[in-house]
Amino acid sequence: MTSAVSIKKQIVEILNRVSESTADKCVLDLVSLDYTKMDQYVFLCDKIFDKAIEEQESVEIYGRVCAGLNARLHLPSADERRTSFKSLFLKKCQNAFENGLCQIGCDGLNEEERIIYEEMQAKKKKRYLGLLQFMAELYKVNLIPAKIITAGCVRSFCMKISQDKDYTYIEFIHKLLINLNSTIYACDGHFFDVLVERLKKIKESGEICKRDESMIDELLELHEKWVAEAPH
């Protein structure tokens, strides 16, 4: 077994042991591996990323793992912007976020093809919701800046709602924000104040289903909580 294969095998074995009680030990085990190539760090990032968005019940644990690795693991690179584990996750999240916004048309499909298409879209949506939950967790451990959440993610979703009247993005906004804490409001309270007014108008339009209305109500309550917790 080559050294490169051995490292990747050890990464998988360690990540399979990650739990609430073992997370810190697993971080130390991952840091202690004898990395020799950049693609080994990328492999580690990819495996954590996939596990975090597939095992959504454990996303907080994987957030801790990422924070621990970012503090202890230094990547060999001449590019100063790529010397931290954080940079790999930022790039990974950006690519997954942008790809998840791409829609594939289903016109011209027969019934069997449409069923397969809908199953694939359901899996894709579940994975995308997992991505948003993981991004929220990475923000809470200081691995994603607030502006990516606000100016990047939420604003993109709002544009999709405004331009395409696609209210699917209400659920995406909800999934992202409901997993954040009030520190995000302290970074840009005005942004969220404006967002809330926009969500109120969408609800009052009568164009959305009850489920979407309920998610907006939860976001309005969350906004009130954040405002109350904000320093005055």
Protein backbone atom coordinates (compact mmCIF):
# COMPACT_ATOMS: atom_id res chain seq x y z
CA MET A 1 0.00 0.00 0.00
CA THR A 2 1.47 3.36 -1.03
CA SER A 3 1.91 6.15 1.48
CA ALA A 4 -0.74 8.28 -0.26
CA VAL A 5 -3.31 5.47 -0.16
CA SER A 6 -2.42 4.72 3.46
CA ILE A 7 -3.00 8.33 4.51
CA LYS A 8 -6.42 8.44 2.83
CA LYS A 9 -7.37 5.11 4.40
CA GLN A 10 -6.39 6.42 7.83
CA ILE A 11 -8.41 9.60 7.27
CA VAL A 12 -11.52 7.56 6.49
CA GLU A 13 -10.98 5.31 9.50
CA ILE A 14 -10.53 8.26 11.88
CA LEU A 15 -13.56 10.13 10.55
CA ASN A 16 -15.68 7.02 10.98
CA ARG A 17 -14.85 7.18 14.71
CA VAL A 18 -15.98 10.80 15.14
CA SER A 19 -18.62 11.29 17.83
CA GLU A 20 -19.44 13.78 20.57
CA SER A 21 -16.99 12.12 22.95
CA THR A 22 -14.21 11.34 20.45
CA ALA A 23 -14.18 14.51 18.30
CA ASP A 24 -11.21 16.17 20.02
CA LYS A 25 -9.14 12.97 19.96
CA CYS A 26 -9.98 12.47 16.28
CA VAL A 27 -8.73 15.98 15.52
CA LEU A 28 -5.39 15.16 17.15
CA ASP A 29 -5.21 11.87 15.25
CA LEU A 30 -5.89 13.65 11.94
CA VAL A 31 -3.29 16.33 12.66
CA SER A 32 -0.66 13.70 13.48
CA LEU A 33 -0.86 12.00 10.08
CA ASP A 34 2.16 12.29 7.80
CA TYR A 35 0.71 14.41 5.00
CA THR A 36 3.01 14.78 2.00
CA LYS A 37 0.77 16.11 -0.77
CA MET A 38 -1.82 18.85 -1.11
CA ASP A 39 -4.38 16.40 -2.50
CA GLN A 40 -4.34 14.59 0.88
CA TYR A 41 -5.53 17.76 2.60
CA VAL A 42 -8.17 18.20 -0.10
CA PHE A 43 -9.26 14.59 0.42
CA LEU A 44 -9.63 15.24 4.15
CA CYS A 45 -11.70 18.37 3.47
CA ASP A 46 -13.92 16.51 0.99
CA LYS A 47 -14.58 13.62 3.36
CA ILE A 48 -15.51 15.89 6.28
CA PHE A 49 -17.69 17.97 3.99
CA ASP A 50 -19.60 14.93 2.70
CA LYS A 51 -20.10 13.46 6.17
CA ALA A 52 -21.28 16.77 7.61
CA ILE A 53 -23.98 17.35 5.02
CA GLU A 54 -25.10 13.72 4.93
CA GLU A 55 -25.08 13.20 8.73
CA GLN A 56 -26.96 16.38 9.56
CA GLU A 57 -27.68 15.27 13.12
CA SER A 58 -23.92 15.42 13.78
CA VAL A 59 -23.19 18.73 12.03
CA GLU A 60 -22.17 20.50 15.27
CA ILE A 61 -19.57 17.81 15.93
CA TYR A 62 -18.10 18.20 12.46
CA GLY A 63 -18.02 21.95 13.01
CA ARG A 64 -15.84 21.33 16.07
CA VAL A 65 -13.60 19.04 14.05
CA CYS A 66 -13.17 21.70 11.36
CA ALA A 67 -12.35 24.38 13.93
CA GLY A 68 -9.80 22.10 15.58
CA LEU A 69 -8.14 21.23 12.29
CA ASN A 70 -8.02 24.87 11.20
CA ALA A 71 -6.23 25.79 14.43
CA ARG A 72 -3.66 22.97 14.23
CA LEU A 73 -3.24 21.95 10.60
CA HIS A 74 -1.17 24.17 8.30
CA LEU A 75 -1.21 23.54 4.58
CA PRO A 76 2.01 23.65 2.54
CA SER A 77 1.49 26.33 -0.08
CA ALA A 78 3.32 29.33 -1.46
CA ASP A 79 -0.01 31.12 -1.78
CA GLU A 80 -0.69 32.82 1.56
CA ARG A 81 -4.42 32.67 0.91
CA ARG A 82 -4.25 28.88 0.90
CA THR A 83 -2.20 28.25 4.04
CA SER A 84 -5.13 27.37 6.28
CA PHE A 85 -7.64 24.56 6.37
CA LYS A 86 -10.30 27.27 6.40
CA SER A 87 -9.48 28.28 2.84
CA LEU A 88 -10.23 24.77 1.56
CA PHE A 89 -13.64 24.78 3.18
CA LEU A 90 -14.47 28.25 1.88
CA LYS A 91 -13.75 27.11 -1.67
CA LYS A 92 -15.63 23.84 -1.18
CA CYS A 93 -18.70 25.60 0.22
CA GLN A 94 -18.66 28.23 -2.52
CA ASN A 95 -18.58 25.63 -5.28
CA ALA A 96 -21.30 23.50 -3.69
CA PHE A 97 -23.48 26.56 -3.05
CA GLU A 98 -23.23 27.82 -6.63
CA ASN A 99 -23.75 24.39 -8.17
CA GLY A 100 -26.78 23.84 -5.98
CA LEU A 101 -28.45 26.91 -7.45
CA CYS A 102 -28.25 25.49 -10.97
CA GLN A 103 -31.59 24.11 -12.12
CA ILE A 104 -31.97 21.42 -14.77
CA GLY A 105 -35.15 21.51 -16.79
CA CYS A 106 -37.46 18.49 -16.98
CA ASP A 107 -39.43 19.38 -20.11
CA GLY A 108 -39.87 16.51 -22.56
CA LEU A 109 -39.42 13.72 -20.01
CA ASN A 110 -41.74 10.73 -20.05
CA GLU A 111 -43.42 9.49 -16.85
CA GLU A 112 -40.64 7.09 -15.87
CA GLU A 113 -37.95 9.65 -16.56
CA ARG A 114 -39.86 12.27 -14.58
CA ILE A 115 -40.07 9.96 -11.54
CA ILE A 116 -36.32 9.40 -11.68
CA TYR A 117 -35.77 13.13 -12.12
CA GLU A 118 -37.94 13.98 -9.10
CA GLU A 119 -36.11 11.41 -6.94
CA MET A 120 -32.78 12.89 -7.96
CA GLN A 121 -34.00 16.41 -7.23
CA ALA A 122 -35.26 15.36 -3.79
CA LYS A 123 -31.84 13.92 -2.93
CA LYS A 124 -30.14 17.00 -4.30
CA LYS A 125 -32.38 19.27 -2.22
CA LYS A 126 -31.74 17.27 0.96
CA ARG A 127 -28.02 17.51 0.37
CA TYR A 128 -28.26 21.25 -0.31
CA LEU A 129 -30.18 21.81 2.92
CA GLY A 130 -27.41 19.88 4.66
CA LEU A 131 -24.88 22.20 3.06
CA LEU A 132 -26.68 25.27 4.40
CA GLN A 133 -26.84 23.81 7.90
CA PHE A 134 -23.12 23.02 7.74
CA MET A 135 -22.32 26.54 6.50
CA ALA A 136 -24.22 27.95 9.47
CA GLU A 137 -22.14 25.77 11.76
CA LEU A 138 -18.91 26.87 10.10
CA TYR A 139 -19.95 30.48 10.68
CA LYS A 140 -20.48 29.76 14.38
CA VAL A 141 -16.92 28.41 14.68
CA ASN A 142 -15.52 31.41 12.78
CA LEU A 143 -14.65 29.57 9.58
CA ILE A 144 -17.10 31.47 7.37
CA PRO A 145 -17.41 35.28 7.57
CA ALA A 146 -20.80 36.93 8.08
CA LYS A 147 -20.72 38.65 4.68
CA ILE A 148 -20.78 35.27 2.90
CA ILE A 149 -23.96 34.39 4.79
CA THR A 150 -25.65 37.75 4.17
CA ALA A 151 -24.33 39.28 0.95
CA GLY A 152 -23.62 35.87 -0.56
CA CYS A 153 -26.18 33.26 0.39
CA VAL A 154 -29.28 35.07 1.63
CA ARG A 155 -29.11 37.82 -0.99
CA SER A 156 -28.80 35.20 -3.75
CA PHE A 157 -31.90 33.43 -2.46
CA CYS A 158 -33.84 36.70 -2.29
CA MET A 159 -32.91 37.49 -5.87
CA LYS A 160 -34.22 34.10 -6.99
CA ILE A 161 -37.50 34.74 -5.21
CA SER A 162 -37.87 38.22 -6.72
CA GLN A 163 -36.82 37.32 -10.26
CA ASP A 164 -38.34 33.86 -10.66
CA LYS A 165 -41.12 33.83 -8.06
CA ASP A 166 -39.54 30.58 -6.89
CA TYR A 167 -40.58 30.26 -3.27
CA THR A 168 -38.47 27.14 -2.78
CA TYR A 169 -35.79 29.54 -1.63
CA ILE A 170 -37.83 30.47 1.43
CA GLU A 171 -36.97 27.05 2.83
CA PHE A 172 -33.29 27.62 2.01
CA ILE A 173 -33.28 30.97 3.83
CA HIS A 174 -35.06 29.33 6.76
CA LYS A 175 -32.64 26.39 6.94
CA LEU A 176 -29.63 28.69 6.94
CA LEU A 177 -30.82 31.31 9.41
CA ILE A 178 -32.58 29.03 11.88
CA ASN A 179 -29.22 27.34 12.54
CA LEU A 180 -27.38 30.61 13.24
CA ASN A 181 -27.11 32.65 16.43
CA SER A 182 -27.61 36.33 17.21
CA THR A 183 -23.99 37.25 16.48
CA ILE A 184 -24.90 37.34 12.78
CA TYR A 185 -27.43 40.09 13.51
CA ALA A 186 -24.81 42.11 15.34
CA CYS A 187 -22.69 42.02 12.15
CA ASP A 188 -25.36 43.51 9.91
CA GLY A 189 -28.63 44.18 11.67
CA HIS A 190 -29.93 46.45 8.91
CA PHE A 191 -29.64 43.65 6.36
CA PHE A 192 -31.89 41.41 8.45
CA ASP A 193 -34.33 44.23 9.20
CA VAL A 194 -34.81 44.73 5.46
CA LEU A 195 -35.04 40.96 4.90
CA VAL A 196 -37.82 40.65 7.46
CA GLU A 197 -39.87 43.37 5.78
CA ARG A 198 -39.46 41.58 2.45
CA LEU A 199 -40.55 38.27 3.98
CA LYS A 200 -43.62 39.94 5.49
CA LYS A 201 -44.67 41.21 2.06
CA ILE A 202 -44.21 37.76 0.55
CA LYS A 203 -46.45 36.26 3.22
CA GLU A 204 -49.08 38.97 2.76
CA SER A 205 -49.12 38.39 -1.02
CA GLY A 206 -51.08 35.17 -0.58
CA GLU A 207 -48.88 33.45 -3.18
CA ILE A 208 -47.18 30.96 -0.87
CA CYS A 209 -48.31 27.75 0.81
CA LYS A 210 -49.01 27.30 4.52
CA ARG A 211 -45.68 25.56 5.04
CA ASP A 212 -43.79 28.53 3.65
CA GLU A 213 -45.90 30.88 5.78
CA SER A 214 -44.95 28.88 8.88
CA MET A 215 -41.26 29.12 8.02
CA ILE A 216 -41.55 32.88 7.56
CA ASP A 217 -43.31 33.14 10.94
CA GLU A 218 -40.39 31.28 12.54
CA LEU A 219 -37.94 33.68 10.91
CA LEU A 220 -39.91 36.68 12.16
CA GLU A 221 -39.77 35.28 15.70
CA LEU A 222 -36.06 34.62 15.30
CA HIS A 223 -35.54 38.21 14.16
CA GLU A 224 -37.35 39.52 17.25
CA LYS A 225 -35.13 37.35 19.44
CA TRP A 226 -31.97 38.61 17.73
CA VAL A 227 -33.07 42.23 18.07
CA ALA A 228 -33.73 41.71 21.78
CA GLU A 229 -30.30 40.14 22.28
CA ALA A 230 -28.44 42.80 20.29
CA PRO A 231 -26.31 45.22 22.32
CA HIS A 232 -27.93 48.65 22.70
